[in-house]
Amino acid sequence: MYKKHPPLEKSYNKTLLVIESCKTIIQLEGASNMVKNFKTLYRKVGYPKALSYNLDNCLKQKYMLLESLNRPTKNNAYGI
């Protein structure tokens, strides 16, 4: 990926793995904090904006997935 900045690549991959491993909204909030920390740290050294966009997109997709899994279905709402 980025040969010049191995720590950047490692941090980016770790953050993606954390997002993907979240099973609850609360865990995803922690992953969101990791994304914020990643952006804060690497903004100073000038990282590609595509990484930021991809992390935000992964967070959004995971959030929508977890929300859909936690919504009660019609049958569940009526106890059937």
N, C-alpha and C. Protein backbone atom coordinates (compact mmCIF):
# COMPACT_ATOMS: atom_id res chain seq x y z
N MET A 1 0.83 -1.18 0.00
CA MET A 1 0.00 0.00 0.00
C MET A 1 0.88 1.25 0.00
N TYR A 2 1.35 1.71 1.15
CA TYR A 2 2.19 2.90 1.24
C TYR A 2 3.54 2.49 1.81
N LYS A 3 4.52 2.37 0.94
CA LYS A 3 5.84 1.89 1.34
C LYS A 3 6.60 2.91 2.17
N LYS A 4 6.32 4.20 1.98
CA LYS A 4 7.05 5.24 2.70
C LYS A 4 6.66 5.31 4.18
N HIS A 5 5.44 4.93 4.51
CA HIS A 5 4.94 5.09 5.88
C HIS A 5 4.36 3.79 6.42
N PRO A 6 5.22 2.82 6.78
CA PRO A 6 4.69 1.56 7.32
C PRO A 6 3.82 1.76 8.56
N PRO A 7 4.14 2.70 9.47
CA PRO A 7 3.25 2.89 10.62
C PRO A 7 1.86 3.38 10.20
N LEU A 8 1.80 4.18 9.15
CA LEU A 8 0.52 4.65 8.63
C LEU A 8 -0.31 3.48 8.13
N GLU A 9 0.31 2.62 7.36
CA GLU A 9 -0.38 1.45 6.81
C GLU A 9 -0.85 0.54 7.94
N LYS A 10 0.01 0.32 8.92
CA LYS A 10 -0.34 -0.56 10.03
C LYS A 10 -1.51 0.02 10.84
N SER A 11 -1.47 1.32 11.12
CA SER A 11 -2.54 1.97 11.87
C SER A 11 -3.85 1.93 11.10
N TYR A 12 -3.76 2.20 9.81
CA TYR A 12 -4.95 2.18 8.96
C TYR A 12 -5.58 0.79 8.94
N ASN A 13 -4.76 -0.23 8.72
CA ASN A 13 -5.28 -1.60 8.68
C ASN A 13 -5.87 -2.03 10.02
N LYS A 14 -5.23 -1.63 11.11
CA LYS A 14 -5.74 -1.97 12.43
C LYS A 14 -7.09 -1.30 12.68
N THR A 15 -7.21 -0.05 12.27
CA THR A 15 -8.47 0.67 12.45
C THR A 15 -9.58 0.01 11.64
N LEU A 16 -9.28 -0.40 10.41
CA LEU A 16 -10.27 -1.12 9.60
C LEU A 16 -10.70 -2.42 10.26
N LEU A 17 -9.73 -3.16 10.80
CA LEU A 17 -10.06 -4.42 11.47
C LEU A 17 -10.95 -4.20 12.68
N VAL A 18 -10.69 -3.15 13.41
CA VAL A 18 -11.52 -2.85 14.59
C VAL A 18 -12.95 -2.53 14.16
N ILE A 19 -13.10 -1.73 13.11
CA ILE A 19 -14.44 -1.40 12.61
C ILE A 19 -15.16 -2.68 12.19
N GLU A 20 -14.50 -3.52 11.43
CA GLU A 20 -15.11 -4.75 10.93
C GLU A 20 -15.48 -5.72 12.05
N SER A 21 -14.76 -5.68 13.16
CA SER A 21 -15.01 -6.64 14.24
C SER A 21 -16.12 -6.19 15.20
N CYS A 22 -16.60 -4.97 15.06
CA CYS A 22 -17.64 -4.47 15.97
C CYS A 22 -18.93 -5.26 15.82
N LYS A 23 -19.50 -5.62 16.97
CA LYS A 23 -20.76 -6.36 16.98
C LYS A 23 -21.89 -5.57 17.62
N THR A 24 -21.59 -4.43 18.22
CA THR A 24 -22.61 -3.59 18.83
C THR A 24 -22.34 -2.12 18.47
N ILE A 25 -23.38 -1.30 18.67
CA ILE A 25 -23.25 0.13 18.41
C ILE A 25 -22.23 0.75 19.38
N ILE A 26 -22.20 0.27 20.61
CA ILE A 26 -21.26 0.80 21.60
C ILE A 26 -19.82 0.52 21.16
N GLN A 27 -19.56 -0.68 20.66
CA GLN A 27 -18.23 -0.99 20.15
C GLN A 27 -17.89 -0.10 18.96
N LEU A 28 -18.88 0.18 18.14
CA LEU A 28 -18.66 1.01 16.97
C LEU A 28 -18.34 2.46 17.37
N GLU A 29 -18.88 2.90 18.49
CA GLU A 29 -18.54 4.23 19.00
C GLU A 29 -17.05 4.28 19.38
N GLY A 30 -16.54 3.21 19.95
CA GLY A 30 -15.11 3.13 20.24
C GLY A 30 -14.28 3.16 18.98
N ALA A 31 -14.75 2.45 17.95
CA ALA A 31 -14.05 2.45 16.66
C ALA A 31 -14.07 3.85 16.04
N SER A 32 -15.16 4.56 16.24
CA SER A 32 -15.26 5.92 15.74
C SER A 32 -14.21 6.81 16.41
N ASN A 33 -13.97 6.59 17.69
CA ASN A 33 -12.91 7.33 18.39
C ASN A 33 -11.54 7.00 17.80
N MET A 34 -11.34 5.74 17.43
CA MET A 34 -10.07 5.36 16.80
C MET A 34 -9.88 6.09 15.47
N VAL A 35 -10.97 6.21 14.71
CA VAL A 35 -10.89 6.92 13.43
C VAL A 35 -10.53 8.39 13.67
N LYS A 36 -11.16 9.00 14.66
CA LYS A 36 -10.85 10.40 14.98
C LYS A 36 -9.38 10.54 15.38
N ASN A 37 -8.89 9.63 16.20
CA ASN A 37 -7.48 9.67 16.61
C ASN A 37 -6.55 9.47 15.41
N PHE A 38 -6.91 8.55 14.53
CA PHE A 38 -6.11 8.31 13.32
C PHE A 38 -6.01 9.59 12.50
N LYS A 39 -7.15 10.25 12.30
CA LYS A 39 -7.16 11.47 11.49
C LYS A 39 -6.33 12.57 12.16
N THR A 40 -6.49 12.71 13.47
CA THR A 40 -5.75 13.74 14.20
C THR A 40 -4.24 13.51 14.10
N LEU A 41 -3.83 12.28 14.31
CA LEU A 41 -2.41 11.95 14.29
C LEU A 41 -1.80 12.12 12.90
N TYR A 42 -2.45 11.55 11.90
CA TYR A 42 -1.84 11.53 10.57
C TYR A 42 -2.12 12.78 9.74
N ARG A 43 -3.02 13.64 10.19
CA ARG A 43 -3.24 14.91 9.51
C ARG A 43 -1.95 15.75 9.57
N LYS A 44 -1.23 15.59 10.67
CA LYS A 44 0.01 16.36 10.85
C LYS A 44 1.09 15.96 9.85
N VAL A 45 1.10 14.70 9.41
CA VAL A 45 2.13 14.25 8.47
C VAL A 45 1.64 14.25 7.04
N GLY A 46 0.37 14.55 6.83
CA GLY A 46 -0.18 14.63 5.48
C GLY A 46 -0.47 13.28 4.87
N TYR A 47 -1.52 12.62 5.31
CA TYR A 47 -1.92 11.34 4.76
C TYR A 47 -2.91 11.56 3.61
N PRO A 48 -3.08 10.59 2.72
CA PRO A 48 -4.03 10.74 1.62
C PRO A 48 -5.47 10.83 2.14
N LYS A 49 -6.24 11.74 1.59
CA LYS A 49 -7.63 11.95 1.99
C LYS A 49 -8.49 10.71 1.71
N ALA A 50 -8.08 9.89 0.78
CA ALA A 50 -8.83 8.68 0.45
C ALA A 50 -8.91 7.74 1.66
N LEU A 51 -7.87 7.73 2.48
CA LEU A 51 -7.89 6.88 3.68
C LEU A 51 -8.97 7.36 4.64
N SER A 52 -9.06 8.66 4.83
CA SER A 52 -10.06 9.24 5.71
C SER A 52 -11.46 8.92 5.19
N TYR A 53 -11.66 9.11 3.91
CA TYR A 53 -12.96 8.82 3.29
C TYR A 53 -13.32 7.35 3.46
N ASN A 54 -12.37 6.46 3.24
CA ASN A 54 -12.64 5.03 3.34
C ASN A 54 -13.00 4.63 4.77
N LEU A 55 -12.30 5.17 5.75
CA LEU A 55 -12.61 4.86 7.15
C LEU A 55 -14.02 5.35 7.51
N ASP A 56 -14.35 6.56 7.08
CA ASP A 56 -15.69 7.09 7.35
C ASP A 56 -16.76 6.24 6.68
N ASN A 57 -16.49 5.82 5.45
CA ASN A 57 -17.43 4.99 4.71
C ASN A 57 -17.62 3.63 5.39
N CYS A 58 -16.54 3.02 5.85
CA CYS A 58 -16.64 1.73 6.54
C CYS A 58 -17.44 1.87 7.83
N LEU A 59 -17.21 2.95 8.58
CA LEU A 59 -17.98 3.21 9.79
C LEU A 59 -19.47 3.32 9.48
N LYS A 60 -19.79 4.08 8.46
CA LYS A 60 -21.18 4.29 8.09
C LYS A 60 -21.86 2.99 7.68
N GLN A 61 -21.18 2.19 6.87
CA GLN A 61 -21.74 0.91 6.43
C GLN A 61 -21.96 -0.03 7.61
N LYS A 62 -20.99 -0.08 8.52
CA LYS A 62 -21.11 -0.96 9.68
C LYS A 62 -22.25 -0.50 10.58
N TYR A 63 -22.39 0.82 10.75
CA TYR A 63 -23.47 1.36 11.57
C TYR A 63 -24.82 0.98 10.98
N MET A 64 -24.97 1.13 9.67
CA MET A 64 -26.24 0.78 9.02
C MET A 64 -26.52 -0.71 9.17
N LEU A 65 -25.50 -1.54 9.07
CA LEU A 65 -25.68 -2.98 9.24
C LEU A 65 -26.14 -3.31 10.65
N LEU A 66 -25.47 -2.74 11.64
CA LEU A 66 -25.84 -3.01 13.03
C LEU A 66 -27.22 -2.48 13.36
N GLU A 67 -27.58 -1.33 12.82
CA GLU A 67 -28.91 -0.77 13.04
C GLU A 67 -29.98 -1.69 12.45
N SER A 68 -29.72 -2.21 11.26
CA SER A 68 -30.71 -3.09 10.63
C SER A 68 -30.87 -4.39 11.39
N LEU A 69 -29.81 -4.86 12.01
CA LEU A 69 -29.90 -6.10 12.79
C LEU A 69 -30.63 -5.89 14.11
N ASN A 70 -30.60 -4.67 14.63
CA ASN A 70 -31.22 -4.38 15.92
C ASN A 70 -32.65 -3.90 15.81
N ARG A 71 -33.13 -3.63 14.60
CA ARG A 71 -34.52 -3.20 14.43
C ARG A 71 -35.44 -4.39 14.61
N PRO A 72 -36.51 -4.21 15.38
CA PRO A 72 -37.45 -5.32 15.52
C PRO A 72 -38.26 -5.49 14.23
N THR A 73 -38.51 -6.72 13.87
CA THR A 73 -39.34 -6.99 12.71
C THR A 73 -40.80 -6.86 13.14
N LYS A 74 -41.71 -6.84 12.20
CA LYS A 74 -43.14 -6.73 12.54
C LYS A 74 -43.55 -7.89 13.44
N ASN A 75 -43.12 -9.07 13.12
CA ASN A 75 -43.50 -10.23 13.91
C ASN A 75 -42.97 -10.15 15.33
N ASN A 76 -41.72 -9.70 15.48
CA ASN A 76 -41.13 -9.57 16.81
C ASN A 76 -41.81 -8.48 17.62
N ALA A 77 -42.24 -7.40 16.97
CA ALA A 77 -42.85 -6.29 17.67
C ALA A 77 -44.16 -6.71 18.33
N TYR A 78 -44.83 -7.69 17.75
CA TYR A 78 -46.09 -8.16 18.31
C TYR A 78 -45.95 -9.44 19.12
N GLY A 79 -44.74 -9.87 19.29
CA GLY A 79 -44.50 -11.07 20.10
C GLY A 79 -44.89 -12.37 19.45
N ILE A 80 -44.93 -12.37 18.13
CA ILE A 80 -45.30 -13.60 17.41
C ILE A 80 -44.07 -14.37 17.05
